[in-house]
Amino acid sequence: TVSGRTGEFVAVNVAGLDDNVFSDTLFGHAKGAFTGADSDRPGLIERAADGTLFLDEIGDLPPGSQIKLLRLLQEREYMPLGSDTTRISRARIITSTHVDIWELQQKELFRQDLHYRLRTHRIILPSLRERREDIAMLIDHFAQCAAQALKKAKPRIPQELANMMESYHFPGNIRELQAMVFDAIAQHKHGMLPLTVFRNHISMVRQSENRLLSTSGGSGVPLTFADPLPTIKQATRMLVEEAMNRAGSNQSAAAAMLGITQQALSNRLKKMVKEE
């Protein structure tokens, strides 16, 4: 394999696992360890021997389980539940999280010693909003996967879709894009992939965020203007020009960013030309 490991790749999401379930899942148990333990059961550590154990959402691991994981990382040793025999782990351990471990550590929700043990080698995967150049490629990939899953022919992807998505902030990260593409493929009949699903989704997200801001008394992201303030006409022109710039001069995509129809934007652009 690429990793050079001869064993299995074993993945488990540790979020929500209480201490006992975590121990049983990772370390296994001996016969008679608890009611219903009628036979020995190996844990995932043993399954991943000479391979890789991937612990997803490590930031949600409870404090008691953190201590056990720390011992496993430091000593490479563990004991199945109900056993007094120490075993040696031969698994490589990789973890992932979507939360800020530094912040959890400051709040004393994550052990400092475990944090440092986990930081021996780090890979930071930027969010989708930080790598917009990948969006077009991902749309194409997800469209291919969705078409295969739904047993459909892959539709043609309009260029304005990538422009529209590159201006969106993706609060749900890459899974949100994947879900949008799958929904669009599921509803697609023939020809070019329509933009309706994407526009409706973005509109619903923005409406939800606006309602949240209004109920919380927030005012959104503050704008900074030079002194003196621009007039309404000047501010409108600046907003339209910025949207057109971000959309690569695609009126459909720019209109979606501004929350107006393409016809309304077209009329505004014509008016701006006359005013020059």
Protein backbone atom coordinates (compact mmCIF):
# COMPACT_ATOMS: atom_id res chain seq x y z
CA THR A 1 0.00 0.00 0.00
CA VAL A 2 0.96 3.67 -0.27
CA SER A 3 1.32 3.90 3.52
CA GLY A 4 3.67 0.91 3.67
CA ARG A 5 1.43 -0.68 6.32
CA THR A 6 0.45 -4.31 5.87
CA GLY A 7 -2.55 -4.29 8.22
CA GLU A 8 -6.06 -2.91 7.98
CA PHE A 9 -7.18 0.71 8.00
CA VAL A 10 -9.77 0.85 10.80
CA ALA A 11 -11.84 4.01 11.37
CA VAL A 12 -14.11 4.93 14.28
CA ASN A 13 -15.90 8.15 15.22
CA VAL A 14 -15.26 8.63 18.94
CA ALA A 15 -17.71 11.52 19.39
CA GLY A 16 -20.44 10.50 21.80
CA LEU A 17 -18.70 7.33 23.05
CA ASP A 18 -18.80 7.20 26.84
CA ASP A 19 -15.78 5.89 28.74
CA ASN A 20 -16.92 2.25 28.94
CA VAL A 21 -17.98 2.06 25.30
CA PHE A 22 -14.73 3.71 24.23
CA SER A 23 -12.66 1.17 26.17
CA ASP A 24 -14.63 -1.80 24.87
CA THR A 25 -14.56 -0.49 21.29
CA LEU A 26 -10.82 0.15 21.22
CA PHE A 27 -9.39 -2.41 23.63
CA GLY A 28 -11.97 -5.20 23.45
CA HIS A 29 -12.93 -7.38 26.41
CA ALA A 30 -12.28 -10.76 27.98
CA LYS A 31 -14.95 -13.38 28.56
CA GLY A 32 -16.89 -12.57 31.73
CA ALA A 33 -15.77 -8.93 31.85
CA PHE A 34 -19.40 -7.84 32.23
CA THR A 35 -22.90 -9.25 31.89
CA GLY A 36 -23.33 -10.53 28.35
CA ALA A 37 -19.59 -10.90 27.67
CA ASP A 38 -19.88 -14.58 26.77
CA SER A 39 -16.60 -14.72 24.85
CA ASP A 40 -13.41 -12.78 24.24
CA ARG A 41 -13.83 -9.93 21.75
CA PRO A 42 -10.84 -8.16 20.21
CA GLY A 43 -10.95 -4.38 20.03
CA LEU A 44 -10.17 -2.12 17.11
CA ILE A 45 -6.56 -1.77 18.29
CA GLU A 46 -6.05 -5.46 17.63
CA ARG A 47 -7.88 -5.31 14.31
CA ALA A 48 -5.57 -2.48 13.21
CA ALA A 49 -2.38 -4.38 14.11
CA ASP A 50 0.35 -3.47 11.58
CA GLY A 51 -2.17 -1.10 10.05
CA THR A 52 -3.78 2.22 10.96
CA LEU A 53 -6.42 3.14 13.54
CA PHE A 54 -8.19 6.37 12.60
CA LEU A 55 -9.96 8.17 15.48
CA ASP A 56 -12.34 10.75 14.04
CA GLU A 57 -13.61 13.76 16.06
CA ILE A 58 -10.96 13.34 18.77
CA GLY A 59 -11.85 16.77 20.16
CA ASP A 60 -15.11 15.31 21.51
CA LEU A 61 -13.40 12.54 23.50
CA PRO A 62 -14.46 12.55 27.20
CA PRO A 63 -11.75 13.26 29.84
CA GLY A 64 -11.70 9.70 31.20
CA SER A 65 -11.10 8.26 27.75
CA GLN A 66 -8.40 10.84 27.08
CA ILE A 67 -6.30 9.35 29.92
CA LYS A 68 -6.57 5.87 28.42
CA LEU A 69 -5.66 7.10 24.97
CA LEU A 70 -2.66 8.96 26.40
CA ARG A 71 -1.29 5.76 27.96
CA LEU A 72 -1.79 3.92 24.68
CA LEU A 73 0.14 6.59 22.77
CA GLN A 74 2.96 6.90 25.32
CA GLU A 75 3.51 3.28 26.29
CA ARG A 76 2.01 1.49 23.28
CA GLU A 77 0.27 -0.70 25.85
CA TYR A 78 -3.39 -1.49 26.63
CA MET A 79 -5.49 -4.04 28.48
CA PRO A 80 -8.84 -5.42 27.28
CA LEU A 81 -11.72 -4.96 29.73
CA GLY A 82 -11.73 -7.74 32.34
CA SER A 83 -8.14 -8.78 31.57
CA ASP A 84 -5.04 -8.26 33.71
CA THR A 85 -2.68 -8.99 30.84
CA THR A 86 -1.00 -6.08 29.12
CA ARG A 87 -0.88 -6.17 25.34
CA ILE A 88 1.33 -4.24 22.95
CA SER A 89 -0.24 -2.13 20.22
CA ARG A 90 1.22 -2.41 16.72
CA ALA A 91 -1.22 0.06 15.17
CA ARG A 92 -0.37 3.48 13.83
CA ILE A 93 -2.85 5.99 15.23
CA ILE A 94 -4.20 8.98 13.29
CA THR A 95 -6.77 11.42 14.67
CA SER A 96 -8.86 14.23 13.26
CA THR A 97 -11.06 17.01 14.62
CA HIS A 98 -13.10 19.96 13.40
CA VAL A 99 -12.70 21.93 16.65
CA ASP A 100 -9.86 24.06 17.99
CA ILE A 101 -7.95 21.82 20.42
CA TRP A 102 -5.99 24.82 21.72
CA GLU A 103 -9.25 26.43 22.78
CA LEU A 104 -10.47 23.22 24.44
CA GLN A 105 -7.16 22.94 26.25
CA GLN A 106 -7.50 26.50 27.60
CA LYS A 107 -10.98 25.61 28.89
CA GLU A 108 -9.52 22.45 30.50
CA LEU A 109 -11.73 20.26 28.33
CA PHE A 110 -8.77 18.58 26.62
CA ARG A 111 -5.62 17.29 28.32
CA GLN A 112 -2.49 19.26 27.54
CA ASP A 113 -0.23 16.19 27.62
CA LEU A 114 -2.49 14.32 25.20
CA HIS A 115 -2.64 17.35 22.93
CA TYR A 116 1.14 17.46 22.65
CA ARG A 117 1.34 13.72 22.02
CA LEU A 118 -1.09 14.11 19.14
CA ARG A 119 0.80 17.03 17.61
CA THR A 120 3.88 15.04 16.57
CA HIS A 121 2.79 15.48 12.95
CA ARG A 122 -0.06 17.73 11.84
CA ILE A 123 -1.90 18.24 8.57
CA ILE A 124 -4.28 21.21 8.37
CA LEU A 125 -6.99 20.79 5.75
CA PRO A 126 -8.38 24.25 4.88
CA SER A 127 -12.13 24.69 4.70
CA LEU A 128 -13.74 24.86 1.27
CA ARG A 129 -14.14 28.64 1.51
CA GLU A 130 -10.34 28.88 1.76
CA ARG A 131 -9.67 26.82 -1.38
CA ARG A 132 -12.21 28.08 -3.88
CA GLU A 133 -9.99 27.04 -6.77
CA ASP A 134 -10.98 23.42 -6.00
CA ILE A 135 -14.73 24.03 -6.26
CA ALA A 136 -15.11 23.42 -10.00
CA MET A 137 -13.15 20.17 -9.77
CA LEU A 138 -15.20 19.02 -6.76
CA ILE A 139 -18.49 19.82 -8.48
CA ASP A 140 -17.43 17.66 -11.42
CA HIS A 141 -16.31 14.84 -9.10
CA PHE A 142 -19.49 14.89 -6.99
CA ALA A 143 -21.63 15.04 -10.12
CA GLN A 144 -19.90 11.92 -11.45
CA CYS A 145 -20.35 10.09 -8.14
CA ALA A 146 -24.01 11.11 -7.83
CA ALA A 147 -24.77 10.10 -11.41
CA GLN A 148 -23.25 6.67 -10.82
CA ALA A 149 -25.12 6.21 -7.52
CA LEU A 150 -28.43 7.23 -9.13
CA LYS A 151 -27.70 5.29 -12.34
CA LYS A 152 -28.02 8.41 -14.47
CA ALA A 153 -25.94 9.94 -17.22
CA LYS A 154 -23.72 12.71 -15.91
CA PRO A 155 -25.17 16.08 -17.08
CA ARG A 156 -23.21 18.96 -18.52
CA ILE A 157 -22.07 21.42 -15.85
CA PRO A 158 -22.68 25.13 -16.64
CA GLN A 159 -19.70 27.42 -16.10
CA GLU A 160 -21.78 29.87 -14.08
CA LEU A 161 -22.29 27.20 -11.40
CA ALA A 162 -18.62 27.32 -10.40
CA ASN A 163 -18.72 31.13 -10.39
CA MET A 164 -21.79 31.10 -8.15
CA MET A 165 -20.32 28.55 -5.74
CA GLU A 166 -16.99 30.39 -5.51
CA SER A 167 -18.80 33.38 -4.02
CA TYR A 168 -20.65 31.27 -1.41
CA HIS A 169 -19.26 30.89 2.12
CA PHE A 170 -20.17 27.19 2.70
CA PRO A 171 -21.05 27.03 6.40
CA GLY A 172 -21.44 23.26 5.93
CA ASN A 173 -18.04 22.94 4.23
CA ILE A 174 -17.45 20.26 1.58
CA ARG A 175 -20.36 18.04 2.70
CA GLU A 176 -22.73 20.91 1.93
CA LEU A 177 -21.44 21.14 -1.65
CA GLN A 178 -21.69 17.37 -2.04
CA ALA A 179 -25.31 17.39 -0.82
CA MET A 180 -26.26 20.23 -3.19
CA VAL A 181 -24.75 18.45 -6.19
CA PHE A 182 -26.44 15.14 -5.28
CA ASP A 183 -29.81 16.90 -4.90
CA ALA A 184 -29.37 18.63 -8.26
CA ILE A 185 -28.45 15.37 -10.03
CA ALA A 186 -31.43 13.61 -8.41
CA GLN A 187 -33.82 16.27 -9.76
CA HIS A 188 -32.11 16.58 -13.15
CA LYS A 189 -34.05 15.38 -16.18
CA HIS A 190 -31.88 15.99 -19.24
CA GLY A 191 -29.40 18.40 -20.84
CA MET A 192 -27.53 21.01 -18.80
CA LEU A 193 -27.57 20.75 -15.01
CA PRO A 194 -29.97 23.50 -13.81
CA LEU A 195 -28.92 26.05 -11.21
CA THR A 196 -32.29 26.07 -9.42
CA VAL A 197 -31.28 23.71 -6.59
CA PHE A 198 -28.15 25.71 -5.85
CA ARG A 199 -29.90 29.09 -5.94
CA ASN A 200 -32.71 27.86 -3.69
CA HIS A 201 -30.26 26.38 -1.21
CA ILE A 202 -28.16 29.55 -1.00
CA SER A 203 -31.32 31.64 -0.63
CA MET A 204 -32.58 29.48 2.25
CA VAL A 205 -29.22 29.64 4.03
CA ARG A 206 -29.09 33.41 3.72
CA GLN A 207 -32.65 33.80 4.97
CA SER A 208 -31.87 31.58 7.95
CA GLU A 209 -28.72 33.55 8.75
CA ASN A 210 -30.60 36.85 8.45
CA ARG A 211 -33.29 35.61 10.85
CA LEU A 212 -30.59 34.54 13.30
CA LEU A 213 -28.94 37.96 13.09
CA SER A 214 -32.22 39.78 13.61
CA THR A 215 -33.18 37.69 16.67
CA SER A 216 -29.72 38.00 18.22
CA GLY A 217 -29.55 41.74 17.63
CA GLY A 218 -26.45 41.34 15.44
CA SER A 219 -25.73 43.47 12.44
CA GLY A 220 -23.64 41.03 10.42
CA VAL A 221 -20.16 41.79 9.16
CA PRO A 222 -19.36 45.49 9.65
CA LEU A 223 -18.64 47.54 6.53
CA THR A 224 -15.86 50.07 6.41
CA PHE A 225 -16.21 53.14 4.20
CA ALA A 226 -13.99 56.11 3.55
CA ASP A 227 -15.01 59.53 4.83
CA PRO A 228 -17.33 60.96 3.59
CA LEU A 229 -19.82 58.08 3.25
CA PRO A 230 -20.82 57.13 -0.30
CA THR A 231 -24.33 57.95 -1.43
CA ILE A 232 -26.90 55.16 -1.84
CA LYS A 233 -26.36 55.35 -5.61
CA GLN A 234 -22.57 55.05 -5.21
CA ALA A 235 -22.85 52.21 -2.67
CA THR A 236 -25.24 50.32 -4.97
CA ARG A 237 -22.86 50.71 -7.90
CA MET A 238 -19.95 49.45 -5.78
CA LEU A 239 -21.96 46.41 -4.66
CA VAL A 240 -23.07 45.53 -8.19
CA GLU A 241 -19.55 45.94 -9.60
CA GLU A 242 -18.09 43.77 -6.85
CA ALA A 243 -20.66 41.04 -7.48
CA MET A 244 -19.98 41.11 -11.22
CA ASN A 245 -16.26 40.94 -10.56
CA ARG A 246 -16.61 37.93 -8.26
CA ALA A 247 -18.94 36.22 -10.72
CA GLY A 248 -16.55 36.69 -13.62
CA SER A 249 -19.09 39.01 -15.33
CA ASN A 250 -21.73 36.27 -15.26
CA GLN A 251 -25.03 38.03 -14.60
CA SER A 252 -26.84 34.91 -13.39
CA ALA A 253 -24.21 34.17 -10.76
CA ALA A 254 -23.91 37.83 -9.72
CA ALA A 255 -27.68 38.11 -9.32
CA ALA A 256 -27.68 35.06 -7.05
CA MET A 257 -25.00 36.69 -4.88
CA LEU A 258 -27.04 39.89 -4.60
CA GLY A 259 -30.29 38.08 -3.88
CA ILE A 260 -32.12 39.55 -6.90
CA THR A 261 -33.33 38.19 -10.22
CA GLN A 262 -31.13 38.22 -13.29
CA GLN A 263 -33.60 40.56 -14.99
CA ALA A 264 -33.37 43.03 -12.09
CA LEU A 265 -29.59 42.98 -12.28
CA SER A 266 -29.66 43.41 -16.05
CA ASN A 267 -31.89 46.48 -15.67
CA ARG A 268 -29.57 47.88 -13.01
CA LEU A 269 -26.50 47.41 -15.24
CA LYS A 270 -28.23 49.17 -18.16
CA LYS A 271 -29.14 52.05 -15.87
CA MET A 272 -25.54 52.28 -14.64
CA VAL A 273 -24.28 52.49 -18.22
CA LYS A 274 -26.67 55.37 -18.97
CA GLU A 275 -25.54 57.20 -15.83
CA GLU A 276 -21.87 57.14 -16.83
